[in-house]
């Protein structure tokens, strides 16, 4: 078992005490994670960051005093490298794009299995983005009917479109390179170009943007 001092530090932010307590117990039983603090709203969370910046944050969307969108926005202004995963419920798809714009790197359902939560924490900790498959499908269904906010697909090369689809399927740059028989370095350059053309700050934002503009079908 990993020493508590070596475990990755997590803060849980949710206004439901029983949910926080249950999640804390589950996370503390994981090999690599330890809950160092809990907050009932965004303001409490921001105050906690003044004393201790965690490795990861599990953040609810709808909370009193200050919601998750505002809290994530303020947190990333001061701590741009902070890794936040949203705790979501069905029916909250309208908030996803706002949360992504606020810098959130992952989305998991509140009723997810602890194995999925662990996977999300691992991926986001390593610098990736995580979307629960159920949430991603809900997002696809929700955004399919929305009007295109901007058209950049005509600017993407055929190779960039290939890579965009694989990014949205959750493949890493190395996996994309292996699949397309090109180097990881080449994929890195293509990904950077796609992010620039789509004006996306990160992969999570790119995935939502691509779905919203119907550039990919998942």
N, C-alpha and C. Protein backbone atom coordinates (compact mmCIF):
# COMPACT_ATOMS: atom_id res chain seq x y z
N UNK A 1 0.85 -1.20 0.00
CA UNK A 1 0.00 0.00 0.00
C UNK A 1 0.88 1.24 0.00
N UNK A 2 0.53 2.21 -0.86
CA UNK A 2 1.31 3.44 -0.96
C UNK A 2 1.18 4.26 0.32
N UNK A 3 2.28 4.83 0.78
CA UNK A 3 2.25 5.68 1.97
C UNK A 3 1.34 6.87 1.74
N UNK A 4 0.65 7.32 2.80
CA UNK A 4 -0.26 8.45 2.70
C UNK A 4 0.46 9.69 2.21
N UNK A 5 1.73 9.84 2.58
CA UNK A 5 2.51 11.00 2.16
C UNK A 5 2.79 10.99 0.66
N UNK A 6 2.83 9.79 0.07
CA UNK A 6 3.13 9.66 -1.35
C UNK A 6 1.88 9.64 -2.22
N UNK A 7 0.72 9.51 -1.59
CA UNK A 7 -0.52 9.44 -2.36
C UNK A 7 -0.86 10.80 -2.97
N UNK A 8 -1.58 10.75 -4.08
CA UNK A 8 -2.01 11.99 -4.75
C UNK A 8 -3.14 12.63 -3.95
N UNK A 9 -3.01 13.92 -3.70
CA UNK A 9 -3.95 14.64 -2.83
C UNK A 9 -5.21 15.07 -3.59
N UNK A 10 -6.36 14.80 -2.96
CA UNK A 10 -7.65 15.12 -3.59
C UNK A 10 -8.50 15.98 -2.66
N UNK A 11 -9.20 16.95 -3.24
CA UNK A 11 -10.22 17.71 -2.52
C UNK A 11 -11.57 17.41 -3.16
N UNK A 12 -12.57 17.10 -2.33
CA UNK A 12 -13.93 16.86 -2.79
C UNK A 12 -14.77 18.10 -2.51
N UNK A 13 -15.49 18.59 -3.53
CA UNK A 13 -16.34 19.77 -3.36
C UNK A 13 -17.76 19.41 -3.77
N UNK A 14 -18.63 19.29 -2.79
CA UNK A 14 -20.03 18.90 -3.04
C UNK A 14 -20.85 19.31 -1.83
N UNK A 15 -22.08 19.76 -2.06
CA UNK A 15 -22.88 20.27 -0.95
C UNK A 15 -23.65 19.18 -0.20
N UNK A 16 -23.54 17.93 -0.64
CA UNK A 16 -24.22 16.84 0.06
C UNK A 16 -23.24 16.08 0.95
N UNK A 17 -23.43 16.19 2.25
CA UNK A 17 -22.50 15.63 3.23
C UNK A 17 -22.37 14.12 3.10
N UNK A 18 -23.49 13.42 2.96
CA UNK A 18 -23.43 11.96 2.87
C UNK A 18 -22.67 11.51 1.62
N UNK A 19 -22.87 12.21 0.52
CA UNK A 19 -22.16 11.87 -0.70
C UNK A 19 -20.66 12.08 -0.52
N UNK A 20 -20.28 13.21 0.07
CA UNK A 20 -18.86 13.49 0.32
C UNK A 20 -18.25 12.42 1.21
N UNK A 21 -18.97 12.06 2.27
CA UNK A 21 -18.44 11.06 3.21
C UNK A 21 -18.21 9.72 2.52
N UNK A 22 -19.19 9.31 1.72
CA UNK A 22 -19.06 8.03 1.03
C UNK A 22 -17.93 8.04 0.02
N UNK A 23 -17.81 9.13 -0.74
CA UNK A 23 -16.76 9.23 -1.74
C UNK A 23 -15.38 9.28 -1.08
N UNK A 24 -15.29 9.98 0.04
CA UNK A 24 -14.02 10.05 0.75
C UNK A 24 -13.54 8.67 1.18
N UNK A 25 -14.45 7.88 1.73
CA UNK A 25 -14.08 6.53 2.17
C UNK A 25 -13.59 5.69 0.99
N UNK A 26 -14.31 5.78 -0.13
CA UNK A 26 -13.93 5.01 -1.32
C UNK A 26 -12.57 5.45 -1.87
N UNK A 27 -12.36 6.75 -1.93
CA UNK A 27 -11.09 7.26 -2.47
C UNK A 27 -9.92 6.91 -1.56
N UNK A 28 -10.13 7.00 -0.25
CA UNK A 28 -9.05 6.70 0.68
C UNK A 28 -8.67 5.22 0.68
N UNK A 29 -9.54 4.39 0.13
CA UNK A 29 -9.23 2.97 0.00
C UNK A 29 -8.47 2.65 -1.29
N UNK A 30 -8.35 3.64 -2.16
CA UNK A 30 -7.59 3.45 -3.39
C UNK A 30 -6.10 3.53 -3.09
N UNK A 31 -5.32 2.85 -3.90
CA UNK A 31 -3.88 2.77 -3.64
C UNK A 31 -3.16 4.11 -3.77
N UNK A 32 -3.59 4.93 -4.73
CA UNK A 32 -2.80 6.13 -5.06
C UNK A 32 -3.42 7.46 -4.65
N UNK A 33 -4.57 7.44 -3.95
CA UNK A 33 -5.25 8.70 -3.66
C UNK A 33 -5.62 8.85 -2.18
N UNK A 34 -5.63 10.11 -1.75
CA UNK A 34 -5.97 10.42 -0.36
C UNK A 34 -6.69 11.76 -0.32
N UNK A 35 -7.88 11.78 0.30
CA UNK A 35 -8.66 13.01 0.41
C UNK A 35 -8.09 13.87 1.55
N UNK A 36 -7.64 15.06 1.20
CA UNK A 36 -7.02 15.94 2.20
C UNK A 36 -8.00 16.98 2.74
N UNK A 37 -9.12 17.21 2.01
CA UNK A 37 -10.08 18.21 2.47
C UNK A 37 -11.40 18.05 1.72
N UNK A 38 -12.46 18.61 2.32
CA UNK A 38 -13.78 18.61 1.70
C UNK A 38 -14.38 20.00 1.82
N UNK A 39 -15.18 20.38 0.83
CA UNK A 39 -15.86 21.67 0.86
C UNK A 39 -17.31 21.49 0.44
N UNK A 40 -18.19 22.32 0.99
CA UNK A 40 -19.62 22.21 0.70
C UNK A 40 -20.06 23.18 -0.39
N UNK A 41 -19.17 24.08 -0.80
CA UNK A 41 -19.50 25.01 -1.88
C UNK A 41 -18.20 25.58 -2.47
N UNK A 42 -18.34 26.31 -3.56
CA UNK A 42 -17.17 26.84 -4.25
C UNK A 42 -16.34 27.80 -3.43
N UNK A 43 -16.99 28.62 -2.62
CA UNK A 43 -16.25 29.59 -1.81
C UNK A 43 -15.36 28.89 -0.78
N UNK A 44 -15.92 27.88 -0.11
CA UNK A 44 -15.11 27.11 0.84
C UNK A 44 -13.91 26.48 0.14
N UNK A 45 -14.15 25.98 -1.06
CA UNK A 45 -13.09 25.35 -1.85
C UNK A 45 -11.97 26.35 -2.15
N UNK A 46 -12.32 27.54 -2.61
CA UNK A 46 -11.31 28.56 -2.93
C UNK A 46 -10.52 28.96 -1.69
N UNK A 47 -11.20 29.04 -0.55
CA UNK A 47 -10.50 29.35 0.70
C UNK A 47 -9.50 28.25 1.05
N UNK A 48 -9.86 27.00 0.80
CA UNK A 48 -8.96 25.88 1.08
C UNK A 48 -7.70 25.93 0.22
N UNK A 49 -7.85 26.38 -1.02
CA UNK A 49 -6.71 26.43 -1.92
C UNK A 49 -5.62 27.38 -1.43
N UNK A 50 -6.02 28.35 -0.63
CA UNK A 50 -5.04 29.29 -0.07
C UNK A 50 -4.06 28.58 0.86
N UNK A 51 -4.52 27.46 1.45
CA UNK A 51 -3.69 26.73 2.42
C UNK A 51 -3.03 25.49 1.83
N UNK A 52 -3.74 24.84 0.91
CA UNK A 52 -3.22 23.57 0.39
C UNK A 52 -3.76 23.31 -1.01
N UNK A 53 -2.88 23.27 -2.00
CA UNK A 53 -3.28 23.01 -3.38
C UNK A 53 -3.16 21.51 -3.64
N UNK A 54 -4.27 20.85 -4.00
CA UNK A 54 -4.25 19.39 -4.20
C UNK A 54 -3.72 19.01 -5.59
N UNK A 55 -3.55 17.72 -5.78
CA UNK A 55 -3.19 17.22 -7.10
C UNK A 55 -4.42 17.16 -8.01
N UNK A 56 -5.58 16.88 -7.40
CA UNK A 56 -6.82 16.74 -8.15
C UNK A 56 -8.00 17.25 -7.34
N UNK A 57 -9.03 17.69 -8.06
CA UNK A 57 -10.26 18.16 -7.41
C UNK A 57 -11.45 17.46 -8.05
N UNK A 58 -12.36 16.97 -7.22
CA UNK A 58 -13.64 16.45 -7.69
C UNK A 58 -14.69 17.49 -7.34
N UNK A 59 -15.28 18.12 -8.34
CA UNK A 59 -16.09 19.33 -8.14
C UNK A 59 -17.51 19.18 -8.64
N UNK A 60 -18.47 19.42 -7.76
CA UNK A 60 -19.89 19.41 -8.13
C UNK A 60 -20.20 20.65 -8.96
N UNK A 61 -21.29 20.60 -9.74
CA UNK A 61 -21.69 21.76 -10.54
C UNK A 61 -22.64 22.66 -9.75
N UNK A 62 -23.78 22.11 -9.35
CA UNK A 62 -24.80 22.92 -8.65
C UNK A 62 -24.59 22.90 -7.15
N UNK A 63 -24.20 24.06 -6.60
CA UNK A 63 -23.98 24.20 -5.16
C UNK A 63 -24.43 25.58 -4.72
N UNK A 64 -24.79 25.74 -3.44
CA UNK A 64 -25.15 27.06 -2.94
C UNK A 64 -23.91 27.94 -2.77
N UNK A 65 -24.14 29.23 -2.55
CA UNK A 65 -23.10 30.23 -2.30
C UNK A 65 -22.28 30.50 -3.56
N UNK A 66 -21.58 29.47 -4.07
CA UNK A 66 -20.83 29.58 -5.32
C UNK A 66 -20.84 28.24 -6.03
N UNK A 67 -21.29 28.22 -7.29
CA UNK A 67 -21.40 26.95 -8.01
C UNK A 67 -20.05 26.51 -8.58
N UNK A 68 -20.05 25.33 -9.20
CA UNK A 68 -18.82 24.76 -9.71
C UNK A 68 -18.21 25.53 -10.86
N UNK A 69 -19.04 26.13 -11.71
CA UNK A 69 -18.54 26.88 -12.85
C UNK A 69 -17.73 28.09 -12.38
N UNK A 70 -18.31 28.85 -11.46
CA UNK A 70 -17.62 30.03 -10.94
C UNK A 70 -16.36 29.63 -10.16
N UNK A 71 -16.49 28.57 -9.36
CA UNK A 71 -15.36 28.12 -8.56
C UNK A 71 -14.20 27.66 -9.43
N UNK A 72 -14.50 26.89 -10.48
CA UNK A 72 -13.46 26.41 -11.39
C UNK A 72 -12.79 27.56 -12.11
N UNK A 73 -13.58 28.55 -12.50
CA UNK A 73 -13.04 29.72 -13.21
C UNK A 73 -12.06 30.48 -12.33
N UNK A 74 -12.47 30.78 -11.11
CA UNK A 74 -11.59 31.50 -10.18
C UNK A 74 -10.35 30.68 -9.83
N UNK A 75 -10.57 29.38 -9.62
CA UNK A 75 -9.45 28.51 -9.23
C UNK A 75 -8.38 28.46 -10.32
N UNK A 76 -8.80 28.38 -11.57
CA UNK A 76 -7.83 28.28 -12.67
C UNK A 76 -7.17 29.61 -12.98
N UNK A 77 -7.82 30.71 -12.62
CA UNK A 77 -7.17 32.01 -12.80
C UNK A 77 -5.95 32.11 -11.90
N UNK A 78 -6.06 31.56 -10.71
CA UNK A 78 -4.95 31.64 -9.75
C UNK A 78 -4.03 30.43 -9.84
N UNK A 79 -4.61 29.27 -10.16
CA UNK A 79 -3.83 28.02 -10.25
C UNK A 79 -4.11 27.36 -11.60
N UNK A 80 -3.52 27.86 -12.68
CA UNK A 80 -3.84 27.39 -14.03
C UNK A 80 -3.56 25.91 -14.27
N UNK A 81 -2.69 25.30 -13.48
CA UNK A 81 -2.36 23.89 -13.68
C UNK A 81 -3.22 22.95 -12.83
N UNK A 82 -4.17 23.50 -12.08
CA UNK A 82 -5.01 22.69 -11.21
C UNK A 82 -5.87 21.74 -12.05
N UNK A 83 -5.90 20.48 -11.66
CA UNK A 83 -6.64 19.45 -12.40
C UNK A 83 -7.99 19.21 -11.73
N UNK A 84 -9.06 19.55 -12.44
CA UNK A 84 -10.41 19.44 -11.90
C UNK A 84 -11.25 18.47 -12.71
N UNK A 85 -11.96 17.59 -12.00
CA UNK A 85 -12.92 16.67 -12.61
C UNK A 85 -14.30 17.03 -12.09
N UNK A 86 -15.26 17.18 -12.99
CA UNK A 86 -16.62 17.54 -12.60
C UNK A 86 -17.41 16.30 -12.17
N UNK A 87 -18.11 16.44 -11.06
CA UNK A 87 -19.06 15.42 -10.61
C UNK A 87 -20.42 15.82 -11.17
N UNK A 88 -20.95 15.03 -12.08
CA UNK A 88 -22.14 15.44 -12.81
C UNK A 88 -23.31 14.50 -12.60
N UNK A 89 -24.51 15.03 -12.87
CA UNK A 89 -25.73 14.23 -12.86
C UNK A 89 -26.35 14.29 -14.25
N UNK A 90 -27.22 13.34 -14.55
CA UNK A 90 -27.94 13.40 -15.82
C UNK A 90 -28.74 14.70 -15.89
N UNK A 91 -28.84 15.26 -17.09
CA UNK A 91 -29.63 16.48 -17.26
C UNK A 91 -28.84 17.75 -17.09
N UNK A 92 -27.51 17.63 -16.86
CA UNK A 92 -26.70 18.83 -16.67
C UNK A 92 -25.82 19.14 -17.89
N UNK A 93 -26.21 18.60 -19.05
CA UNK A 93 -25.39 18.77 -20.24
C UNK A 93 -25.19 20.23 -20.63
N UNK A 94 -26.17 21.09 -20.31
CA UNK A 94 -26.06 22.50 -20.66
C UNK A 94 -24.88 23.18 -19.98
N UNK A 95 -24.41 22.60 -18.89
CA UNK A 95 -23.30 23.19 -18.15
C UNK A 95 -21.93 22.72 -18.65
N UNK A 96 -21.89 21.65 -19.44
CA UNK A 96 -20.62 21.04 -19.79
C UNK A 96 -19.66 22.01 -20.48
N UNK A 97 -20.17 22.73 -21.47
CA UNK A 97 -19.30 23.62 -22.22
C UNK A 97 -18.75 24.73 -21.33
N UNK A 98 -19.60 25.21 -20.41
CA UNK A 98 -19.15 26.24 -19.47
C UNK A 98 -18.07 25.69 -18.55
N UNK A 99 -18.24 24.45 -18.10
CA UNK A 99 -17.24 23.84 -17.23
C UNK A 99 -15.92 23.62 -17.97
N UNK A 100 -16.02 23.19 -19.22
CA UNK A 100 -14.81 22.99 -20.02
C UNK A 100 -14.09 24.32 -20.22
N UNK A 101 -14.85 25.37 -20.52
CA UNK A 101 -14.25 26.69 -20.69
C UNK A 101 -13.61 27.19 -19.40
N UNK A 102 -14.12 26.69 -18.27
CA UNK A 102 -13.55 27.08 -16.98
C UNK A 102 -12.29 26.29 -16.65
N UNK A 103 -11.94 25.34 -17.52
CA UNK A 103 -10.68 24.60 -17.33
C UNK A 103 -10.82 23.19 -16.81
N UNK A 104 -12.06 22.69 -16.68
CA UNK A 104 -12.27 21.33 -16.19
C UNK A 104 -11.72 20.31 -17.19
N UNK A 105 -11.08 19.26 -16.68
CA UNK A 105 -10.44 18.26 -17.55
C UNK A 105 -11.18 16.93 -17.61
N UNK A 106 -12.23 16.76 -16.80
CA UNK A 106 -12.92 15.48 -16.81
C UNK A 106 -14.35 15.58 -16.31
N UNK A 107 -15.17 14.62 -16.70
CA UNK A 107 -16.57 14.56 -16.28
C UNK A 107 -16.91 13.13 -15.91
N UNK A 108 -17.41 12.92 -14.71
CA UNK A 108 -17.88 11.59 -14.30
C UNK A 108 -19.25 11.73 -13.64
N UNK A 109 -20.08 10.72 -13.85
CA UNK A 109 -21.39 10.71 -13.22
C UNK A 109 -21.26 10.43 -11.72
N UNK A 110 -22.15 11.00 -10.95
CA UNK A 110 -22.11 10.80 -9.50
C UNK A 110 -22.40 9.35 -9.11
N UNK A 111 -23.10 8.63 -9.97
CA UNK A 111 -23.38 7.24 -9.64
C UNK A 111 -22.40 6.28 -10.31
N UNK A 112 -21.25 6.80 -10.74
CA UNK A 112 -20.24 5.95 -11.39
C UNK A 112 -19.65 4.96 -10.41
N UNK A 113 -19.19 3.84 -10.94
CA UNK A 113 -18.45 2.87 -10.15
C UNK A 113 -17.12 3.48 -9.74
N UNK A 114 -16.60 3.11 -8.58
CA UNK A 114 -15.34 3.67 -8.09
C UNK A 114 -14.19 3.35 -9.05
N UNK A 115 -14.31 2.25 -9.80
CA UNK A 115 -13.26 1.92 -10.77
C UNK A 115 -13.19 2.98 -11.86
N UNK A 116 -14.35 3.50 -12.28
CA UNK A 116 -14.36 4.54 -13.30
C UNK A 116 -13.81 5.85 -12.73
N UNK A 117 -14.16 6.16 -11.49
CA UNK A 117 -13.63 7.36 -10.85
C UNK A 117 -12.10 7.26 -10.76
N UNK A 118 -11.62 6.09 -10.38
CA UNK A 118 -10.17 5.87 -10.29
C UNK A 118 -9.51 6.07 -11.66
N UNK A 119 -10.14 5.53 -12.71
CA UNK A 119 -9.61 5.69 -14.06
C UNK A 119 -9.57 7.16 -14.47
N UNK A 120 -10.63 7.88 -14.14
CA UNK A 120 -10.69 9.31 -14.47
C UNK A 120 -9.59 10.07 -13.75
N UNK A 121 -9.39 9.77 -12.48
CA UNK A 121 -8.34 10.43 -11.70
C UNK A 121 -6.96 10.14 -12.31
N UNK A 122 -6.72 8.89 -12.68
CA UNK A 122 -5.43 8.52 -13.26
C UNK A 122 -5.17 9.27 -14.55
N UNK A 123 -6.16 9.29 -15.44
CA UNK A 123 -6.00 9.91 -16.75
C UNK A 123 -5.78 11.42 -16.63
N UNK A 124 -6.58 12.07 -15.82
CA UNK A 124 -6.46 13.52 -15.66
C UNK A 124 -5.15 13.87 -14.95
N UNK A 125 -4.78 13.07 -13.96
CA UNK A 125 -3.51 13.32 -13.26
C UNK A 125 -2.33 13.26 -14.23
N UNK A 126 -2.41 12.35 -15.21
CA UNK A 126 -1.33 12.19 -16.18
C UNK A 126 -1.39 13.24 -17.30
N UNK A 127 -2.36 14.15 -17.22
CA UNK A 127 -2.43 15.22 -18.20
C UNK A 127 -3.47 15.05 -19.28
N UNK A 128 -4.29 13.98 -19.20
CA UNK A 128 -5.31 13.74 -20.19
C UNK A 128 -6.66 14.32 -19.79
N UNK A 129 -7.66 14.03 -20.61
CA UNK A 129 -9.03 14.44 -20.33
C UNK A 129 -9.90 13.19 -20.26
N UNK A 130 -10.93 13.23 -19.44
CA UNK A 130 -11.79 12.05 -19.27
C UNK A 130 -13.26 12.43 -19.35
N UNK A 131 -14.00 11.73 -20.20
CA UNK A 131 -15.44 11.87 -20.28
C UNK A 131 -16.07 10.52 -20.03
N UNK A 132 -16.94 10.42 -19.04
CA UNK A 132 -17.71 9.20 -18.85
C UNK A 132 -18.42 8.89 -20.17
N UNK A 133 -18.41 7.62 -20.59
CA UNK A 133 -19.01 7.25 -21.87
C UNK A 133 -20.49 7.61 -21.91
N UNK A 134 -21.19 7.44 -20.79
CA UNK A 134 -22.61 7.77 -20.74
C UNK A 134 -22.82 9.27 -20.87
N UNK A 135 -21.97 10.04 -20.19
CA UNK A 135 -22.08 11.49 -20.27
C UNK A 135 -21.74 11.98 -21.67
N UNK A 136 -20.75 11.36 -22.29
CA UNK A 136 -20.34 11.76 -23.63
C UNK A 136 -21.48 11.53 -24.62
N UNK A 137 -22.18 10.41 -24.48
CA UNK A 137 -23.31 10.14 -25.37
C UNK A 137 -24.43 11.13 -25.14
N UNK A 138 -24.68 11.48 -23.87
CA UNK A 138 -25.69 12.49 -23.56
C UNK A 138 -25.31 13.83 -24.18
N UNK A 139 -24.02 14.13 -24.13
CA UNK A 139 -23.51 15.38 -24.68
C UNK A 139 -23.71 15.42 -26.18
N UNK A 140 -23.40 14.29 -26.83
CA UNK A 140 -23.59 14.18 -28.28
C UNK A 140 -25.07 14.43 -28.63
N UNK A 141 -25.96 13.77 -27.91
CA UNK A 141 -27.40 13.92 -28.18
C UNK A 141 -27.88 15.34 -27.91
N UNK A 142 -27.31 15.96 -26.87
CA UNK A 142 -27.72 17.31 -26.49
C UNK A 142 -27.24 18.35 -27.50
N UNK A 143 -26.01 18.19 -27.98
CA UNK A 143 -25.40 19.20 -28.84
C UNK A 143 -25.66 19.00 -30.33
N UNK A 144 -26.13 17.81 -30.70
CA UNK A 144 -26.36 17.53 -32.12
C UNK A 144 -27.31 18.55 -32.74
N UNK A 145 -28.36 18.91 -32.00
CA UNK A 145 -29.39 19.78 -32.54
C UNK A 145 -29.06 21.27 -32.40
N UNK A 146 -27.98 21.58 -31.69
CA UNK A 146 -27.62 22.99 -31.50
C UNK A 146 -26.97 23.53 -32.76
N UNK A 147 -27.13 24.83 -33.03
CA UNK A 147 -26.53 25.42 -34.23
C UNK A 147 -25.02 25.46 -34.12
N UNK A 148 -24.36 25.38 -35.25
CA UNK A 148 -22.90 25.48 -35.26
C UNK A 148 -22.50 26.89 -34.89
N UNK A 149 -21.63 27.02 -33.89
CA UNK A 149 -21.20 28.34 -33.45
C UNK A 149 -20.09 28.90 -34.32
N UNK A 150 -19.35 28.03 -34.99
CA UNK A 150 -18.22 28.46 -35.81
C UNK A 150 -17.83 27.31 -36.73
N UNK A 151 -17.41 27.62 -37.92
CA UNK A 151 -17.00 26.56 -38.83
C UNK A 151 -15.50 26.64 -39.07
N UNK A 152 -14.81 25.62 -38.58
CA UNK A 152 -13.37 25.59 -38.84
C UNK A 152 -12.96 24.30 -39.54
N UNK A 153 -13.94 23.41 -39.78
CA UNK A 153 -13.58 22.12 -40.36
C UNK A 153 -12.98 22.26 -41.76
N UNK A 154 -13.36 23.33 -42.49
CA UNK A 154 -12.80 23.52 -43.82
C UNK A 154 -11.31 23.85 -43.76
N UNK A 155 -10.85 24.32 -42.59
CA UNK A 155 -9.45 24.68 -42.42
C UNK A 155 -8.61 23.46 -42.04
N UNK A 156 -9.26 22.39 -41.63
CA UNK A 156 -8.53 21.21 -41.20
C UNK A 156 -8.17 20.35 -42.40
N UNK A 157 -6.95 19.85 -42.38
CA UNK A 157 -6.53 18.93 -43.43
C UNK A 157 -7.19 17.57 -43.21
N UNK A 158 -7.10 16.73 -44.22
CA UNK A 158 -7.66 15.38 -44.09
C UNK A 158 -7.00 14.63 -42.93
N UNK A 159 -5.70 14.79 -42.78
CA UNK A 159 -4.98 14.13 -41.68
C UNK A 159 -5.43 14.68 -40.34
N UNK A 160 -5.63 16.00 -40.25
CA UNK A 160 -6.07 16.61 -39.00
C UNK A 160 -7.47 16.12 -38.62
N UNK A 161 -8.33 15.93 -39.61
CA UNK A 161 -9.66 15.40 -39.32
C UNK A 161 -9.57 13.97 -38.79
N UNK A 162 -8.68 13.18 -39.37
CA UNK A 162 -8.45 11.82 -38.89
C UNK A 162 -8.03 11.84 -37.42
N UNK A 163 -7.08 12.71 -37.12
CA UNK A 163 -6.54 12.80 -35.76
C UNK A 163 -7.59 13.33 -34.80
N UNK A 164 -8.39 14.29 -35.24
CA UNK A 164 -9.45 14.85 -34.39
C UNK A 164 -10.42 13.76 -33.96
N UNK A 165 -10.83 12.91 -34.90
CA UNK A 165 -11.75 11.82 -34.59
C UNK A 165 -11.15 10.89 -33.54
N UNK A 166 -9.87 10.57 -33.69
CA UNK A 166 -9.21 9.66 -32.75
C UNK A 166 -9.03 10.32 -31.38
N UNK A 167 -8.78 11.62 -31.36
CA UNK A 167 -8.69 12.36 -30.09
C UNK A 167 -10.03 12.25 -29.35
N UNK A 168 -11.11 12.45 -30.09
CA UNK A 168 -12.44 12.40 -29.49
C UNK A 168 -12.82 11.00 -29.02
N UNK A 169 -12.15 10.00 -29.56
CA UNK A 169 -12.36 8.62 -29.11
C UNK A 169 -11.50 8.28 -27.90
N UNK A 170 -10.70 9.25 -27.44
CA UNK A 170 -9.94 9.07 -26.21
C UNK A 170 -8.55 8.50 -26.39
N UNK A 171 -8.06 8.41 -27.62
CA UNK A 171 -6.72 7.86 -27.84
C UNK A 171 -5.65 8.88 -27.49
N UNK A 172 -4.54 8.38 -26.95
CA UNK A 172 -3.40 9.24 -26.65
C UNK A 172 -2.65 9.54 -27.94
N UNK A 173 -1.72 10.51 -27.88
CA UNK A 173 -0.94 10.84 -29.07
C UNK A 173 -0.13 9.64 -29.55
N UNK A 174 0.41 8.86 -28.61
CA UNK A 174 1.18 7.68 -28.99
C UNK A 174 0.28 6.66 -29.68
N UNK A 175 -0.92 6.44 -29.13
CA UNK A 175 -1.85 5.48 -29.72
C UNK A 175 -2.31 5.93 -31.10
N UNK A 176 -2.51 7.23 -31.26
CA UNK A 176 -2.90 7.77 -32.57
C UNK A 176 -1.77 7.55 -33.58
N UNK A 177 -0.54 7.82 -33.14
CA UNK A 177 0.61 7.62 -34.02
C UNK A 177 0.73 6.17 -34.47
N UNK A 178 0.55 5.25 -33.52
CA UNK A 178 0.63 3.82 -33.84
C UNK A 178 -0.45 3.42 -34.84
N UNK A 179 -1.65 3.96 -34.64
CA UNK A 179 -2.79 3.60 -35.49
C UNK A 179 -2.62 4.14 -36.91
N UNK A 180 -2.04 5.34 -37.02
CA UNK A 180 -1.91 5.98 -38.34
C UNK A 180 -0.51 5.79 -38.94
N UNK A 181 0.33 5.05 -38.23
CA UNK A 181 1.70 4.76 -38.70
C UNK A 181 2.51 6.04 -38.91
N UNK A 182 2.37 6.96 -37.96
CA UNK A 182 3.18 8.18 -37.95
C UNK A 182 3.78 8.35 -36.56
N UNK A 183 4.78 9.20 -36.43
CA UNK A 183 5.44 9.36 -35.13
C UNK A 183 4.58 10.16 -34.16
N UNK A 184 4.82 9.96 -32.86
CA UNK A 184 4.12 10.73 -31.83
C UNK A 184 4.40 12.21 -32.00
N UNK A 185 5.63 12.54 -32.39
CA UNK A 185 5.99 13.94 -32.58
C UNK A 185 5.14 14.59 -33.67
N UNK A 186 4.86 13.84 -34.73
CA UNK A 186 4.01 14.35 -35.80
C UNK A 186 2.59 14.57 -35.29
N UNK A 187 2.10 13.63 -34.48
CA UNK A 187 0.77 13.77 -33.90
C UNK A 187 0.72 14.99 -32.99
N UNK A 188 1.78 15.19 -32.21
CA UNK A 188 1.86 16.36 -31.32
C UNK A 188 1.67 17.65 -32.12
N UNK A 189 2.33 17.74 -33.27
CA UNK A 189 2.24 18.94 -34.11
C UNK A 189 0.84 19.12 -34.67
N UNK A 190 0.24 18.02 -35.14
CA UNK A 190 -1.12 18.08 -35.67
C UNK A 190 -2.10 18.50 -34.59
N UNK A 191 -1.96 17.91 -33.38
CA UNK A 191 -2.87 18.26 -32.28
C UNK A 191 -2.76 19.75 -31.95
N UNK A 192 -1.54 20.25 -31.90
CA UNK A 192 -1.34 21.68 -31.61
C UNK A 192 -2.02 22.54 -32.67
N UNK A 193 -1.92 22.14 -33.93
CA UNK A 193 -2.55 22.89 -35.02
C UNK A 193 -4.07 22.86 -34.90
N UNK A 194 -4.61 21.69 -34.54
CA UNK A 194 -6.07 21.55 -34.40
C UNK A 194 -6.57 22.43 -33.26
N UNK A 195 -5.86 22.41 -32.14
CA UNK A 195 -6.24 23.25 -31.00
C UNK A 195 -6.22 24.73 -31.38
N UNK A 196 -5.20 25.12 -32.13
CA UNK A 196 -5.08 26.53 -32.54
C UNK A 196 -6.21 26.92 -33.49
N UNK A 197 -6.48 26.09 -34.48
CA UNK A 197 -7.52 26.40 -35.46
C UNK A 197 -8.91 26.44 -34.84
N UNK A 198 -9.14 25.58 -33.85
CA UNK A 198 -10.45 25.53 -33.21
C UNK A 198 -10.55 26.49 -32.02
N UNK A 199 -9.44 27.15 -31.72
CA UNK A 199 -9.37 28.07 -30.58
C UNK A 199 -9.75 27.36 -29.28
N UNK A 200 -9.31 26.10 -29.17
CA UNK A 200 -9.54 25.32 -27.96
C UNK A 200 -8.30 25.36 -27.08
N UNK A 201 -8.51 25.47 -25.78
CA UNK A 201 -7.39 25.56 -24.84
C UNK A 201 -6.85 24.19 -24.44
N UNK A 202 -7.71 23.18 -24.52
CA UNK A 202 -7.29 21.85 -24.09
C UNK A 202 -8.13 20.79 -24.80
N UNK A 203 -7.80 19.54 -24.55
CA UNK A 203 -8.47 18.44 -25.24
C UNK A 203 -9.95 18.36 -24.89
N UNK A 204 -10.28 18.56 -23.62
CA UNK A 204 -11.69 18.50 -23.21
C UNK A 204 -12.52 19.51 -23.97
N UNK A 205 -11.99 20.72 -24.10
CA UNK A 205 -12.70 21.77 -24.82
C UNK A 205 -12.82 21.40 -26.31
N UNK A 206 -11.78 20.80 -26.85
CA UNK A 206 -11.79 20.40 -28.25
C UNK A 206 -12.86 19.34 -28.52
N UNK A 207 -12.98 18.37 -27.62
CA UNK A 207 -13.98 17.30 -27.79
C UNK A 207 -15.38 17.89 -27.81
N UNK A 208 -15.69 18.75 -26.85
CA UNK A 208 -17.01 19.37 -26.79
C UNK A 208 -17.25 20.23 -28.03
N UNK A 209 -16.23 20.98 -28.43
CA UNK A 209 -16.37 21.86 -29.59
C UNK A 209 -16.60 21.06 -30.87
N UNK A 210 -15.87 19.96 -31.01
CA UNK A 210 -16.01 19.13 -32.21
C UNK A 210 -17.40 18.52 -32.30
N UNK A 211 -17.93 18.08 -31.15
CA UNK A 211 -19.28 17.51 -31.13
C UNK A 211 -20.31 18.59 -31.42
N UNK A 212 -20.13 19.75 -30.81
CA UNK A 212 -21.08 20.84 -30.99
C UNK A 212 -21.16 21.27 -32.44
N UNK A 213 -20.03 21.23 -33.13
CA UNK A 213 -19.99 21.62 -34.53
C UNK A 213 -20.17 20.45 -35.48
N UNK A 214 -20.57 19.31 -34.90
CA UNK A 214 -20.87 18.11 -35.67
C UNK A 214 -19.71 17.70 -36.60
N UNK A 215 -18.50 17.83 -36.08
CA UNK A 215 -17.32 17.42 -36.84
C UNK A 215 -17.03 15.94 -36.64
N UNK A 216 -17.57 15.36 -35.57
CA UNK A 216 -17.37 13.94 -35.30
C UNK A 216 -18.69 13.31 -34.89
N UNK A 217 -18.79 12.04 -35.11
CA UNK A 217 -19.94 11.24 -34.65
C UNK A 217 -19.38 10.15 -33.75
N UNK A 218 -19.83 10.11 -32.50
CA UNK A 218 -19.32 9.12 -31.55
C UNK A 218 -20.41 8.11 -31.20
